[in-house]
N, C-alpha and C. Protein backbone atom coordinates (compact mmCIF):
# COMPACT_ATOMS: atom_id res chain seq x y z
N UNK A 1 0.83 -1.26 0.10
CA UNK A 1 -0.02 -0.19 -0.04
C UNK A 1 0.77 1.18 -0.09
N UNK A 2 1.82 1.19 0.82
CA UNK A 2 2.91 2.40 0.89
C UNK A 2 3.46 2.61 -0.42
N UNK A 3 3.83 1.67 -1.04
CA UNK A 3 4.70 1.66 -2.29
C UNK A 3 3.70 2.06 -3.30
N UNK A 4 2.32 1.84 -3.41
CA UNK A 4 1.18 2.32 -4.39
C UNK A 4 1.04 3.79 -4.19
N UNK A 5 1.04 4.17 -2.81
CA UNK A 5 0.91 5.55 -2.33
C UNK A 5 2.02 6.33 -3.14
N UNK A 6 3.29 5.92 -2.83
CA UNK A 6 4.54 6.73 -3.47
C UNK A 6 4.46 6.78 -4.86
N UNK A 7 3.94 5.72 -5.71
CA UNK A 7 3.95 5.80 -7.03
C UNK A 7 2.72 6.77 -7.40
N UNK A 8 1.64 6.93 -6.76
CA UNK A 8 0.35 7.76 -6.99
C UNK A 8 1.12 9.36 -6.81
N UNK A 9 1.82 9.43 -5.74
CA UNK A 9 2.28 10.92 -5.52
C UNK A 9 3.27 11.22 -6.59
N UNK A 10 4.10 10.51 -6.84
CA UNK A 10 5.16 10.81 -8.11
C UNK A 10 4.50 11.05 -9.33
N UNK A 11 3.40 10.15 -9.79
CA UNK A 11 2.77 10.29 -11.08
C UNK A 11 1.88 11.51 -10.98
N UNK A 12 1.47 11.96 -10.08
CA UNK A 12 0.84 13.30 -10.10
C UNK A 12 1.41 14.64 -9.31
N UNK A 13 2.72 14.56 -9.35
CA UNK A 13 3.49 15.44 -8.68
C UNK A 13 3.14 16.95 -9.33
N UNK A 14 3.02 16.91 -10.50
CA UNK A 14 2.82 18.18 -11.07
C UNK A 14 1.44 18.62 -11.65
N UNK A 15 0.41 17.76 -11.18
CA UNK A 15 -0.90 17.84 -11.63
C UNK A 15 -1.74 19.24 -11.21
N UNK A 16 -1.34 19.46 -10.14
CA UNK A 16 -2.31 20.45 -9.22
C UNK A 16 -1.74 21.75 -9.28
N UNK A 17 -2.63 22.70 -9.40
CA UNK A 17 -2.40 24.09 -9.37
C UNK A 17 -3.16 24.54 -8.20
N UNK A 18 -2.68 25.52 -7.55
CA UNK A 18 -3.31 26.35 -6.30
C UNK A 18 -3.38 27.76 -6.50
N UNK A 19 -4.30 28.44 -6.10
CA UNK A 19 -4.21 29.78 -5.94
C UNK A 19 -3.04 30.36 -5.08
N UNK A 20 -2.57 31.55 -5.44
CA UNK A 20 -1.44 32.16 -4.61
C UNK A 20 -1.83 32.08 -3.04
N UNK A 21 -0.69 31.94 -2.27
CA UNK A 21 -0.78 32.14 -0.89
C UNK A 21 -0.79 33.67 -0.66
N UNK A 22 -1.71 34.18 0.10
CA UNK A 22 -2.13 35.63 0.22
C UNK A 22 -2.55 35.89 1.86
N UNK A 23 -1.88 36.78 2.53
CA UNK A 23 -2.59 37.02 3.87
C UNK A 23 -3.95 37.60 3.59
N UNK A 24 -4.21 38.47 2.67
CA UNK A 24 -5.49 39.12 2.69
C UNK A 24 -6.49 38.36 2.32
N UNK A 25 -6.61 36.97 1.85
CA UNK A 25 -7.61 36.15 1.42
C UNK A 25 -7.54 34.99 2.58
N UNK A 26 -6.90 34.91 3.59
CA UNK A 26 -6.92 33.96 4.72
C UNK A 26 -7.52 34.60 5.78
N UNK A 27 -8.82 34.09 6.44
CA UNK A 27 -9.51 34.69 7.44
C UNK A 27 -8.75 34.24 8.64
N UNK A 28 -9.10 35.02 9.65
CA UNK A 28 -8.49 34.73 11.12
C UNK A 28 -8.86 33.28 11.67
N UNK A 29 -7.93 32.58 12.45
CA UNK A 29 -8.08 31.32 12.76
C UNK A 29 -8.23 31.32 14.29
N UNK A 30 -8.79 32.55 14.97
CA UNK A 30 -8.93 32.82 16.46
C UNK A 30 -9.85 31.68 16.72
N UNK A 31 -11.07 31.27 16.21
CA UNK A 31 -11.94 30.67 16.51
C UNK A 31 -11.68 29.14 16.26
N UNK A 32 -10.30 28.87 15.79
CA UNK A 32 -9.76 27.46 15.25
C UNK A 32 -10.69 27.10 14.28
N UNK A 33 -11.31 27.74 13.25
CA UNK A 33 -11.93 27.38 12.02
C UNK A 33 -11.71 28.38 10.91
N UNK A 34 -11.48 28.12 9.71
CA UNK A 34 -11.33 29.13 8.95
C UNK A 34 -11.92 28.64 7.59
N UNK A 35 -12.35 29.38 6.68
CA UNK A 35 -12.78 28.68 5.52
C UNK A 35 -12.57 29.77 4.09
N UNK A 36 -12.01 29.16 2.77
CA UNK A 36 -12.03 30.06 1.83
C UNK A 36 -12.61 29.41 0.59
N UNK A 37 -13.61 30.32 -0.06
CA UNK A 37 -14.31 30.08 -1.19
C UNK A 37 -13.57 30.32 -2.60
N UNK A 38 -13.97 29.35 -3.37
CA UNK A 38 -13.31 29.27 -4.64
C UNK A 38 -11.74 29.10 -4.35
N UNK A 39 -11.54 28.05 -3.78
CA UNK A 39 -10.29 27.76 -3.21
C UNK A 39 -9.26 27.13 -4.35
N UNK A 40 -9.53 26.34 -5.25
CA UNK A 40 -8.78 25.78 -6.20
C UNK A 40 -9.09 26.36 -7.63
N UNK A 41 -8.28 26.67 -8.51
CA UNK A 41 -8.33 26.99 -9.72
C UNK A 41 -9.35 26.37 -10.47
N UNK A 42 -10.06 26.46 -11.37
CA UNK A 42 -10.87 25.58 -12.37
C UNK A 42 -10.35 24.29 -12.60
N UNK A 43 -9.41 24.32 -13.37
CA UNK A 43 -8.79 23.31 -13.95
C UNK A 43 -8.34 21.97 -12.80
N UNK A 44 -7.87 22.62 -11.69
CA UNK A 44 -7.46 21.46 -10.55
C UNK A 44 -8.82 20.87 -9.95
N UNK A 45 -9.73 21.87 -9.54
CA UNK A 45 -11.02 21.52 -9.10
C UNK A 45 -11.74 20.53 -10.01
N UNK A 46 -11.51 20.67 -11.35
CA UNK A 46 -12.06 19.77 -12.35
C UNK A 46 -11.80 18.30 -12.18
N UNK A 47 -10.42 18.39 -11.83
CA UNK A 47 -9.67 16.98 -11.76
C UNK A 47 -10.19 16.11 -10.81
N UNK A 48 -10.41 16.82 -9.58
CA UNK A 48 -10.83 15.97 -8.36
C UNK A 48 -12.49 15.65 -8.47
N UNK A 49 -13.15 16.73 -9.16
CA UNK A 49 -14.54 16.29 -9.47
C UNK A 49 -14.81 15.05 -10.43
N UNK A 50 -13.93 15.32 -11.38
CA UNK A 50 -14.14 14.00 -12.33
C UNK A 50 -13.73 12.75 -11.82
N UNK A 51 -12.67 12.76 -11.06
CA UNK A 51 -12.29 11.53 -10.37
C UNK A 51 -13.52 11.11 -9.44
N UNK A 52 -14.30 11.79 -8.85
CA UNK A 52 -15.41 11.43 -7.93
C UNK A 52 -16.69 11.11 -8.94
N UNK A 53 -16.66 11.76 -10.01
CA UNK A 53 -17.93 11.48 -10.86
C UNK A 53 -17.82 10.01 -11.50
N UNK A 54 -16.90 9.43 -11.54
CA UNK A 54 -16.60 8.27 -12.26
C UNK A 54 -16.86 7.17 -11.41
N UNK A 55 -17.11 7.53 -10.09
CA UNK A 55 -17.10 6.45 -8.97
C UNK A 55 -18.68 5.91 -9.02
N UNK A 56 -18.84 4.65 -8.92
CA UNK A 56 -20.22 4.27 -9.00
C UNK A 56 -20.76 3.38 -7.72
N UNK A 57 -19.70 2.90 -6.96
CA UNK A 57 -19.88 2.24 -5.71
C UNK A 57 -19.34 3.14 -4.58
N UNK A 58 -19.94 3.00 -3.60
CA UNK A 58 -19.70 3.51 -2.19
C UNK A 58 -20.14 2.73 -1.20
N UNK A 59 -19.71 2.90 0.18
CA UNK A 59 -20.07 2.20 1.36
C UNK A 59 -20.92 2.86 2.09
N UNK A 60 -22.18 2.55 2.45
CA UNK A 60 -23.21 3.19 3.31
C UNK A 60 -22.60 3.23 4.75
N UNK A 61 -22.78 4.30 5.40
CA UNK A 61 -22.50 4.47 6.89
C UNK A 61 -23.82 4.92 7.72
N UNK A 62 -24.08 4.18 8.42
CA UNK A 62 -25.39 4.66 9.46
C UNK A 62 -24.91 4.27 10.81
N UNK A 63 -24.91 5.25 11.64
CA UNK A 63 -24.58 5.18 13.11
C UNK A 63 -25.89 5.96 13.59
N UNK A 64 -26.69 4.99 14.21
CA UNK A 64 -28.30 5.59 14.68
C UNK A 64 -27.96 6.78 15.64
N UNK A 65 -28.84 7.86 15.16
CA UNK A 65 -28.93 9.09 15.96
C UNK A 65 -27.87 9.95 15.46
N UNK A 66 -26.44 9.50 15.19
CA UNK A 66 -25.48 10.49 15.07
C UNK A 66 -25.13 10.54 13.55
N UNK A 67 -25.12 9.63 12.80
CA UNK A 67 -24.63 9.82 11.27
C UNK A 67 -25.18 8.89 10.40
N UNK A 68 -25.61 9.41 9.14
CA UNK A 68 -25.89 8.69 8.17
C UNK A 68 -25.44 9.30 6.55
N UNK A 69 -25.06 8.35 5.73
CA UNK A 69 -24.52 8.82 4.71
C UNK A 69 -23.65 7.69 3.97
N UNK A 70 -22.64 8.03 3.13
CA UNK A 70 -21.94 6.90 2.31
C UNK A 70 -20.34 7.53 2.27
N UNK A 71 -19.54 6.60 2.03
CA UNK A 71 -18.09 7.09 2.04
C UNK A 71 -17.40 6.28 1.09
N UNK A 72 -16.28 6.68 0.57
CA UNK A 72 -15.20 5.93 -0.16
C UNK A 72 -13.96 6.12 0.78
N UNK A 73 -13.37 5.00 1.28
CA UNK A 73 -12.38 4.89 2.37
C UNK A 73 -11.10 5.43 1.49
N UNK A 74 -10.02 5.64 2.36
CA UNK A 74 -8.81 6.16 1.90
C UNK A 74 -8.16 4.64 1.01
N UNK A 75 -8.35 3.63 1.67
CA UNK A 75 -7.88 2.49 1.06
C UNK A 75 -8.34 2.45 -0.51
N UNK A 76 -9.82 2.53 -0.65
CA UNK A 76 -10.36 2.40 -1.70
C UNK A 76 -9.90 3.48 -2.77
N UNK A 77 -9.59 4.80 -2.23
CA UNK A 77 -9.36 5.83 -2.97
C UNK A 77 -7.84 5.64 -3.82
N UNK A 78 -7.20 5.13 -3.31
CA UNK A 78 -5.66 4.59 -3.71
C UNK A 78 -5.99 3.91 -5.24
N UNK A 79 -6.97 3.01 -5.04
CA UNK A 79 -7.15 2.14 -6.35
C UNK A 79 -8.10 2.95 -7.40
N UNK A 80 -9.30 3.49 -6.77
CA UNK A 80 -10.38 4.22 -7.65
C UNK A 80 -10.02 5.63 -7.92
N UNK A 81 -9.32 6.31 -7.12
CA UNK A 81 -9.36 7.65 -7.37
C UNK A 81 -7.96 8.25 -6.95
N UNK A 82 -6.75 7.82 -7.70
CA UNK A 82 -5.56 8.14 -7.11
C UNK A 82 -5.18 9.59 -7.18
N UNK A 83 -6.00 10.35 -7.97
CA UNK A 83 -5.95 11.83 -8.02
C UNK A 83 -6.16 12.47 -6.61
N UNK A 84 -7.23 11.92 -6.02
CA UNK A 84 -7.44 12.39 -4.69
C UNK A 84 -6.39 12.22 -3.79
N UNK A 85 -5.89 10.81 -3.59
CA UNK A 85 -4.79 10.72 -2.84
C UNK A 85 -3.36 11.74 -3.13
N UNK A 86 -3.16 11.89 -4.35
CA UNK A 86 -2.15 12.81 -4.65
C UNK A 86 -2.41 14.34 -4.08
N UNK A 87 -3.61 14.52 -4.30
CA UNK A 87 -4.07 15.92 -3.77
C UNK A 87 -3.92 15.99 -2.35
N UNK A 88 -4.35 15.17 -1.59
CA UNK A 88 -3.96 14.97 -0.12
C UNK A 88 -2.82 15.20 0.11
N UNK A 89 -1.74 14.70 -0.52
CA UNK A 89 -0.50 14.53 -0.31
C UNK A 89 0.42 15.77 -0.85
N UNK A 90 -0.24 16.66 -1.70
CA UNK A 90 0.74 17.61 -2.21
C UNK A 90 1.19 18.82 -1.44
N UNK A 91 2.45 19.02 -1.69
CA UNK A 91 2.98 20.01 -0.74
C UNK A 91 2.22 21.26 -0.70
N UNK A 92 1.80 21.74 -2.00
CA UNK A 92 0.95 23.08 -1.95
C UNK A 92 -0.09 23.08 -1.06
N UNK A 93 -0.88 21.91 -0.94
CA UNK A 93 -1.86 21.66 0.12
C UNK A 93 -1.44 21.88 1.48
N UNK A 94 -0.38 21.25 1.68
CA UNK A 94 0.33 21.34 3.08
C UNK A 94 0.54 22.82 3.53
N UNK A 95 1.14 23.55 2.57
CA UNK A 95 1.45 24.92 2.68
C UNK A 95 0.39 25.72 2.92
N UNK A 96 -0.72 25.45 2.25
CA UNK A 96 -1.89 26.25 2.36
C UNK A 96 -2.49 26.03 4.09
N UNK A 97 -2.31 24.53 4.52
CA UNK A 97 -2.85 24.43 6.00
C UNK A 97 -1.99 24.95 6.82
N UNK A 98 -0.59 25.11 6.66
CA UNK A 98 0.32 25.72 7.59
C UNK A 98 0.05 27.14 7.65
N UNK A 99 -0.37 27.71 6.41
CA UNK A 99 -0.57 29.20 6.37
C UNK A 99 -1.79 29.55 7.22
N UNK A 100 -2.67 28.82 7.38
CA UNK A 100 -3.72 28.96 8.29
C UNK A 100 -3.45 29.36 9.71
N UNK A 101 -2.44 28.52 10.14
CA UNK A 101 -2.45 28.35 11.54
C UNK A 101 -0.66 28.76 11.98
N UNK A 102 -0.02 28.99 10.94
CA UNK A 102 1.33 29.19 11.27
C UNK A 102 2.23 28.25 11.69
N UNK A 103 1.79 26.80 11.49
CA UNK A 103 2.79 25.82 12.01
C UNK A 103 2.68 24.73 10.68
N UNK A 104 3.76 23.82 10.69
CA UNK A 104 3.77 22.77 9.71
C UNK A 104 2.93 21.75 9.98
N UNK A 105 2.53 21.06 8.91
CA UNK A 105 1.45 20.03 9.16
C UNK A 105 1.90 18.90 7.94
N UNK A 106 1.90 17.67 8.42
CA UNK A 106 1.80 16.56 7.35
C UNK A 106 0.48 15.60 7.51
N UNK A 107 0.29 14.70 6.29
CA UNK A 107 -1.07 13.80 6.53
C UNK A 107 -0.79 12.98 7.68
N UNK A 108 -1.87 12.52 8.18
CA UNK A 108 -1.84 11.54 9.13
C UNK A 108 -1.52 10.11 8.64
N UNK A 109 -1.13 9.26 9.31
CA UNK A 109 -0.49 7.80 9.14
C UNK A 109 -1.66 6.96 7.97
N UNK A 110 -1.00 6.20 7.20
CA UNK A 110 -1.96 5.40 6.17
C UNK A 110 -3.01 4.62 6.79
N UNK A 111 -2.63 4.16 8.08
CA UNK A 111 -3.58 3.23 8.72
C UNK A 111 -4.62 4.01 9.49
N UNK A 112 -4.56 5.31 9.48
CA UNK A 112 -5.70 6.19 10.23
C UNK A 112 -6.77 6.08 9.27
N UNK A 113 -7.93 5.84 9.67
CA UNK A 113 -9.07 5.54 8.79
C UNK A 113 -9.72 6.98 8.57
N UNK A 114 -9.26 8.13 9.20
CA UNK A 114 -9.84 9.22 9.07
C UNK A 114 -9.06 10.09 8.05
N UNK A 115 -7.95 9.61 7.87
CA UNK A 115 -6.83 10.27 7.03
C UNK A 115 -7.37 11.20 5.72
N UNK A 116 -7.99 10.28 5.03
CA UNK A 116 -8.57 10.88 3.61
C UNK A 116 -9.87 10.03 3.20
N UNK A 117 -10.91 10.66 2.98
CA UNK A 117 -12.01 9.74 2.50
C UNK A 117 -12.82 10.72 1.77
N UNK A 118 -13.95 10.30 1.06
CA UNK A 118 -14.88 10.95 0.26
C UNK A 118 -16.16 10.69 1.15
N UNK A 119 -16.87 11.72 1.41
CA UNK A 119 -18.20 11.76 2.28
C UNK A 119 -19.47 11.87 1.27
N UNK A 120 -20.36 11.02 1.17
CA UNK A 120 -21.16 11.24 0.16
C UNK A 120 -22.67 11.22 0.86
N UNK A 121 -23.52 12.41 0.44
CA UNK A 121 -24.71 12.37 1.22
C UNK A 121 -25.81 12.64 -0.15
N UNK A 122 -26.54 11.61 -0.14
CA UNK A 122 -27.57 11.79 -1.31
C UNK A 122 -28.77 11.18 -1.27
N UNK A 123 -29.17 10.84 0.08
CA UNK A 123 -30.46 10.31 0.41
C UNK A 123 -31.02 11.23 1.49
N UNK A 124 -32.37 11.54 1.56
CA UNK A 124 -32.93 12.50 2.54
C UNK A 124 -32.63 11.84 3.74
N UNK A 125 -32.39 12.74 4.76
CA UNK A 125 -32.15 12.62 6.09
C UNK A 125 -30.69 12.17 6.32
N UNK A 126 -29.74 12.21 5.47
CA UNK A 126 -28.32 12.00 5.48
C UNK A 126 -27.80 13.20 6.35
N UNK A 127 -27.07 12.85 7.32
CA UNK A 127 -26.36 13.99 8.28
C UNK A 127 -25.23 13.80 9.21
N UNK A 128 -24.89 14.37 9.77
CA UNK A 128 -23.89 14.21 11.16
C UNK A 128 -24.20 14.92 12.08
N UNK A 129 -24.30 14.14 13.39
CA UNK A 129 -24.69 14.87 14.59
C UNK A 129 -23.55 15.76 15.16
N UNK A 130 -23.83 16.46 16.07
CA UNK A 130 -23.00 17.22 16.76
C UNK A 130 -21.84 16.51 17.48
N UNK A 131 -20.56 16.71 17.33
CA UNK A 131 -19.56 16.02 17.66
C UNK A 131 -18.23 16.97 17.84
N UNK A 132 -17.19 16.27 18.52
CA UNK A 132 -15.89 16.80 18.33
C UNK A 132 -14.98 15.59 17.83
N UNK A 133 -13.91 16.03 16.91
CA UNK A 133 -13.24 14.98 16.23
C UNK A 133 -12.12 14.60 17.54
N UNK A 134 -11.77 13.24 17.42
CA UNK A 134 -10.94 12.71 18.45
C UNK A 134 -9.50 12.99 17.89
N UNK A 135 -8.46 13.09 18.87
CA UNK A 135 -7.19 13.39 18.54
C UNK A 135 -6.47 12.18 19.24
N UNK A 136 -5.94 11.34 18.59
CA UNK A 136 -4.99 10.18 19.16
C UNK A 136 -3.60 10.64 18.93
N UNK A 137 -3.31 11.74 18.65
CA UNK A 137 -1.82 11.93 18.58
C UNK A 137 -1.39 13.12 19.65
N UNK A 138 0.01 13.21 19.66
CA UNK A 138 0.52 13.95 20.76
C UNK A 138 0.48 15.49 20.43
N UNK A 139 0.56 15.83 19.23
CA UNK A 139 0.43 17.10 18.61
C UNK A 139 -0.82 17.70 18.22
N UNK A 140 -0.99 18.72 17.64
CA UNK A 140 -2.22 19.33 17.22
C UNK A 140 -2.90 18.43 16.11
N UNK A 141 -4.14 18.47 15.93
CA UNK A 141 -4.82 17.55 14.94
C UNK A 141 -5.73 18.45 14.18
N UNK A 142 -5.86 18.46 12.86
CA UNK A 142 -6.82 19.20 12.16
C UNK A 142 -7.57 18.41 11.20
N UNK A 143 -8.63 18.90 10.74
CA UNK A 143 -9.49 18.45 9.69
C UNK A 143 -9.70 19.49 8.49
N UNK A 144 -9.47 19.02 7.31
CA UNK A 144 -9.85 19.79 6.40
C UNK A 144 -10.99 19.14 5.27
N UNK A 145 -11.93 20.11 5.06
CA UNK A 145 -13.12 19.74 4.16
C UNK A 145 -12.90 20.53 2.90
N UNK A 146 -13.06 19.65 1.59
CA UNK A 146 -13.12 20.49 0.37
C UNK A 146 -14.42 19.93 -0.03
N UNK A 147 -15.32 20.98 -0.21
CA UNK A 147 -16.71 20.87 -0.91
C UNK A 147 -16.69 20.65 -2.35
N UNK A 148 -17.05 19.42 -2.84
CA UNK A 148 -16.96 18.95 -4.31
C UNK A 148 -18.30 19.17 -4.86
N UNK A 149 -19.21 18.72 -4.29
CA UNK A 149 -20.68 18.87 -4.77
C UNK A 149 -21.58 19.46 -3.54
N UNK A 150 -22.64 20.34 -4.04
CA UNK A 150 -23.42 20.76 -3.09
C UNK A 150 -24.68 21.41 -3.55
N UNK A 151 -25.42 20.54 -4.05
CA UNK A 151 -26.35 20.98 -5.01
C UNK A 151 -28.21 20.53 -4.59
N UNK A 152 -29.02 21.56 -4.47
CA UNK A 152 -30.09 21.46 -4.06
C UNK A 152 -31.05 21.05 -5.15
N UNK A 153 -32.40 21.25 -4.92
CA UNK A 153 -33.30 20.85 -6.11
C UNK A 153 -33.20 21.82 -7.31
N UNK A 154 -33.16 22.91 -6.98
CA UNK A 154 -33.17 23.87 -7.95
C UNK A 154 -31.66 24.25 -8.44
N UNK A 155 -31.50 24.46 -9.77
CA UNK A 155 -30.27 24.56 -10.47
C UNK A 155 -29.73 25.91 -9.80
N UNK A 156 -28.44 25.92 -9.32
CA UNK A 156 -27.83 27.03 -8.77
C UNK A 156 -27.94 27.03 -7.28
N UNK A 157 -28.87 26.13 -6.56
CA UNK A 157 -28.89 26.33 -5.22
C UNK A 157 -28.03 25.30 -4.58
N UNK A 158 -27.68 25.68 -3.31
CA UNK A 158 -27.05 24.64 -2.37
C UNK A 158 -27.89 23.89 -1.80
N UNK A 159 -27.54 22.55 -1.21
CA UNK A 159 -28.47 21.69 -0.58
C UNK A 159 -28.70 22.39 0.81
N UNK A 160 -29.80 21.63 1.35
CA UNK A 160 -30.27 22.00 2.67
C UNK A 160 -29.29 21.69 4.02
N UNK A 161 -28.36 20.95 3.61
CA UNK A 161 -27.27 20.56 4.59
C UNK A 161 -26.51 21.58 4.80
N UNK A 162 -26.28 22.06 6.12
CA UNK A 162 -25.61 22.98 6.79
C UNK A 162 -24.32 22.60 7.70
N UNK A 163 -23.24 23.04 7.31
CA UNK A 163 -22.26 22.63 8.33
C UNK A 163 -22.28 23.75 9.39
N UNK A 164 -22.32 23.32 10.61
CA UNK A 164 -22.84 23.93 11.58
C UNK A 164 -21.64 23.89 13.04
N UNK A 165 -21.11 25.02 13.44
CA UNK A 165 -20.29 25.07 14.55
C UNK A 165 -21.00 25.65 15.64
N UNK A 166 -20.58 25.15 16.73
CA UNK A 166 -21.05 25.75 18.17
C UNK A 166 -20.09 26.22 19.17
N UNK A 167 -20.09 27.23 19.60
CA UNK A 167 -19.12 27.63 20.73
C UNK A 167 -19.93 28.38 21.76
N UNK A 168 -20.05 27.68 22.89
CA UNK A 168 -20.99 28.20 23.90
C UNK A 168 -22.23 28.06 23.41
N UNK A 169 -23.10 29.28 23.54
CA UNK A 169 -24.44 29.38 22.98
C UNK A 169 -24.52 29.89 21.65
N UNK A 170 -23.43 29.95 20.92
CA UNK A 170 -23.53 30.63 19.58
C UNK A 170 -23.35 29.54 18.52
N UNK A 171 -24.40 29.46 17.80
CA UNK A 171 -24.36 28.62 16.65
C UNK A 171 -24.06 29.31 15.39
N UNK A 172 -23.10 29.01 14.43
CA UNK A 172 -22.67 29.73 13.10
C UNK A 172 -22.80 28.56 11.92
N UNK A 173 -23.26 29.17 10.93
CA UNK A 173 -23.29 28.17 9.90
C UNK A 173 -22.20 28.55 8.95
N UNK A 174 -21.49 27.54 8.60
CA UNK A 174 -20.15 27.78 7.64
C UNK A 174 -20.71 27.39 6.31
N UNK A 175 -20.75 28.39 5.26
CA UNK A 175 -21.39 28.19 3.97
C UNK A 175 -20.33 27.15 3.30
N UNK A 176 -20.87 26.37 2.56
CA UNK A 176 -19.93 25.26 1.82
C UNK A 176 -20.47 25.15 0.45
N UNK A 177 -20.55 26.18 -0.24
CA UNK A 177 -20.82 26.04 -1.77
C UNK A 177 -19.57 25.19 -2.34
N UNK A 178 -19.81 24.54 -3.54
CA UNK A 178 -18.82 23.81 -4.08
C UNK A 178 -17.31 24.67 -4.30
N UNK A 179 -16.30 24.01 -4.23
CA UNK A 179 -14.89 24.41 -4.14
C UNK A 179 -14.66 25.48 -2.95
N UNK A 180 -15.52 25.23 -1.88
CA UNK A 180 -15.09 25.89 -0.50
C UNK A 180 -13.99 24.78 0.27
N UNK A 181 -13.20 25.62 0.74
CA UNK A 181 -12.11 24.69 1.60
C UNK A 181 -12.51 25.20 3.14
N UNK A 182 -12.51 24.40 4.08
CA UNK A 182 -12.74 24.62 5.56
C UNK A 182 -11.63 23.88 6.34
N UNK A 183 -11.01 24.51 7.09
CA UNK A 183 -9.94 24.03 7.78
C UNK A 183 -10.07 24.35 9.47
N UNK A 184 -10.30 23.24 10.21
CA UNK A 184 -10.47 23.65 11.61
C UNK A 184 -9.80 22.37 12.50
N UNK A 185 -9.86 22.94 13.80
CA UNK A 185 -9.32 22.00 14.83
C UNK A 185 -10.29 21.36 15.45
N UNK A 186 -10.77 20.17 14.89
CA UNK A 186 -11.95 19.41 15.29
C UNK A 186 -12.22 19.01 16.91
N UNK A 187 -11.02 19.19 17.73
CA UNK A 187 -11.23 18.54 18.96
C UNK A 187 -11.68 19.83 19.78
N UNK A 188 -11.47 20.99 19.12
CA UNK A 188 -12.06 22.19 20.03
C UNK A 188 -13.18 22.88 19.33
N UNK A 189 -13.53 22.36 18.18
CA UNK A 189 -14.78 23.00 17.44
C UNK A 189 -15.94 22.04 17.44
N UNK A 190 -16.98 22.32 18.18
CA UNK A 190 -18.06 21.31 18.15
C UNK A 190 -18.79 21.37 16.86
N UNK A 191 -19.12 20.44 16.23
CA UNK A 191 -19.79 20.70 14.89
C UNK A 191 -20.80 19.65 14.31
N UNK A 192 -21.46 19.94 13.17
CA UNK A 192 -22.23 18.74 12.76
C UNK A 192 -22.89 19.34 11.34
N UNK A 193 -23.65 18.48 11.02
CA UNK A 193 -24.03 18.87 9.54
C UNK A 193 -25.70 18.51 9.57
N UNK A 194 -26.67 19.47 9.34
CA UNK A 194 -27.96 19.44 9.28
C UNK A 194 -28.65 18.27 8.20
N UNK A 195 -29.77 18.09 8.29
CA UNK A 195 -30.36 16.83 7.39
C UNK A 195 -30.31 17.25 6.10
N UNK A 196 -30.06 16.27 5.24
CA UNK A 196 -30.22 16.56 3.54
C UNK A 196 -31.75 16.42 3.40
N UNK A 197 -32.39 17.07 2.38
CA UNK A 197 -33.66 16.77 1.84
C UNK A 197 -33.66 15.96 0.64
N UNK A 198 -34.90 15.48 0.20
CA UNK A 198 -35.00 14.62 -0.89
C UNK A 198 -34.55 15.35 -2.14
N UNK A 199 -33.76 14.69 -2.93
CA UNK A 199 -33.44 15.22 -4.26
C UNK A 199 -32.17 16.05 -4.21
N UNK A 200 -31.74 16.28 -3.02
CA UNK A 200 -30.22 16.87 -3.04
C UNK A 200 -29.15 15.99 -2.93
N UNK A 201 -27.98 16.70 -3.20
CA UNK A 201 -26.60 15.87 -3.11
C UNK A 201 -25.56 16.84 -2.45
N UNK A 202 -24.71 16.09 -1.54
CA UNK A 202 -23.61 16.83 -1.14
C UNK A 202 -22.25 15.86 -1.00
N UNK A 203 -21.23 16.29 -1.48
CA UNK A 203 -20.12 15.29 -1.52
C UNK A 203 -18.81 16.14 -1.05
N UNK A 204 -18.06 15.70 -0.19
CA UNK A 204 -17.11 16.46 0.39
C UNK A 204 -15.91 15.54 0.70
N UNK A 205 -14.75 16.05 0.27
CA UNK A 205 -13.58 15.44 0.51
C UNK A 205 -13.16 15.74 1.87
N UNK A 206 -12.74 14.86 2.79
CA UNK A 206 -12.47 14.87 4.19
C UNK A 206 -10.93 14.68 4.41
N UNK A 207 -10.04 15.42 4.96
CA UNK A 207 -8.65 15.07 5.15
C UNK A 207 -8.31 15.34 6.53
N UNK A 208 -7.30 14.81 6.97
CA UNK A 208 -6.92 15.22 8.46
C UNK A 208 -5.44 15.22 8.44
N UNK A 209 -4.87 16.08 9.27
CA UNK A 209 -3.51 16.44 9.20
C UNK A 209 -2.98 16.67 10.57
N UNK A 210 -1.80 16.42 10.85
CA UNK A 210 -1.30 16.51 12.30
C UNK A 210 -0.01 17.48 12.27
N UNK A 211 0.33 18.07 13.31
CA UNK A 211 1.34 19.09 13.55
C UNK A 211 2.70 18.35 13.41
N UNK A 212 3.58 18.98 12.49
CA UNK A 212 4.78 18.17 12.25
C UNK A 212 5.97 18.41 13.19
C-alpha cells in the first residue's frame, strides 16, 4: 500500500495548481476554524470532481442518531481515485494548511481511517450529529474539508445540509458551496451537519493532518 501511495504521488506530482498564498484572503483562525471560497483554480477542481464523478460504488455509513450517509475509504481511493490521494499529499496543500495556523503539517498515517475519505450524502435524512473530532496524537490535529458537490433541487442552489459549529451558546453556519475549503481544529470545534432533503446531493473530501 505504501509503495502504491508513493507511485501515485510521483505520478501526479505536477498535476495540481493552487491559487497564490495571500494573507489578505485567509481569514482569522482565532476561533480554530477558517474557510476559503473558490479555493482551487477551475482546472484543479475539475480533476478532483471528475475523479469522484466516475465512482459508481460506495459504502453506506449509518450510526443511529449520530450519522448517516456513504463514503469512499482512503484504501479504496488509492485504487479508484488516485488523484484524490495525490491531492491530499501535495506540498502546496500542506503549505496552505500551514498558512492558516502558522505551523507545519503532514498527513496522518496511512492506517488512520480518517486520513482521507470522500463523504457522500445523497439520501433524504443524511446527516452528521454534533461532535468533536478525536485526537489520538501528541501534537495538534486538524480536519480539512473540500466541498466537491453541494446541490439543491433547483439549479444553482446549494443543498439544505448546513455545516454548523457551536461555541458556547453561539451557533454559526459555515457556508460550503462547491470549491469551498474549510480547515478547523476539530477537537475544539463542536460541529455537525444538518439533514439533507429529498433530491439533494452533497459530496465532501475529508482530510486530516497533524502537527509536524
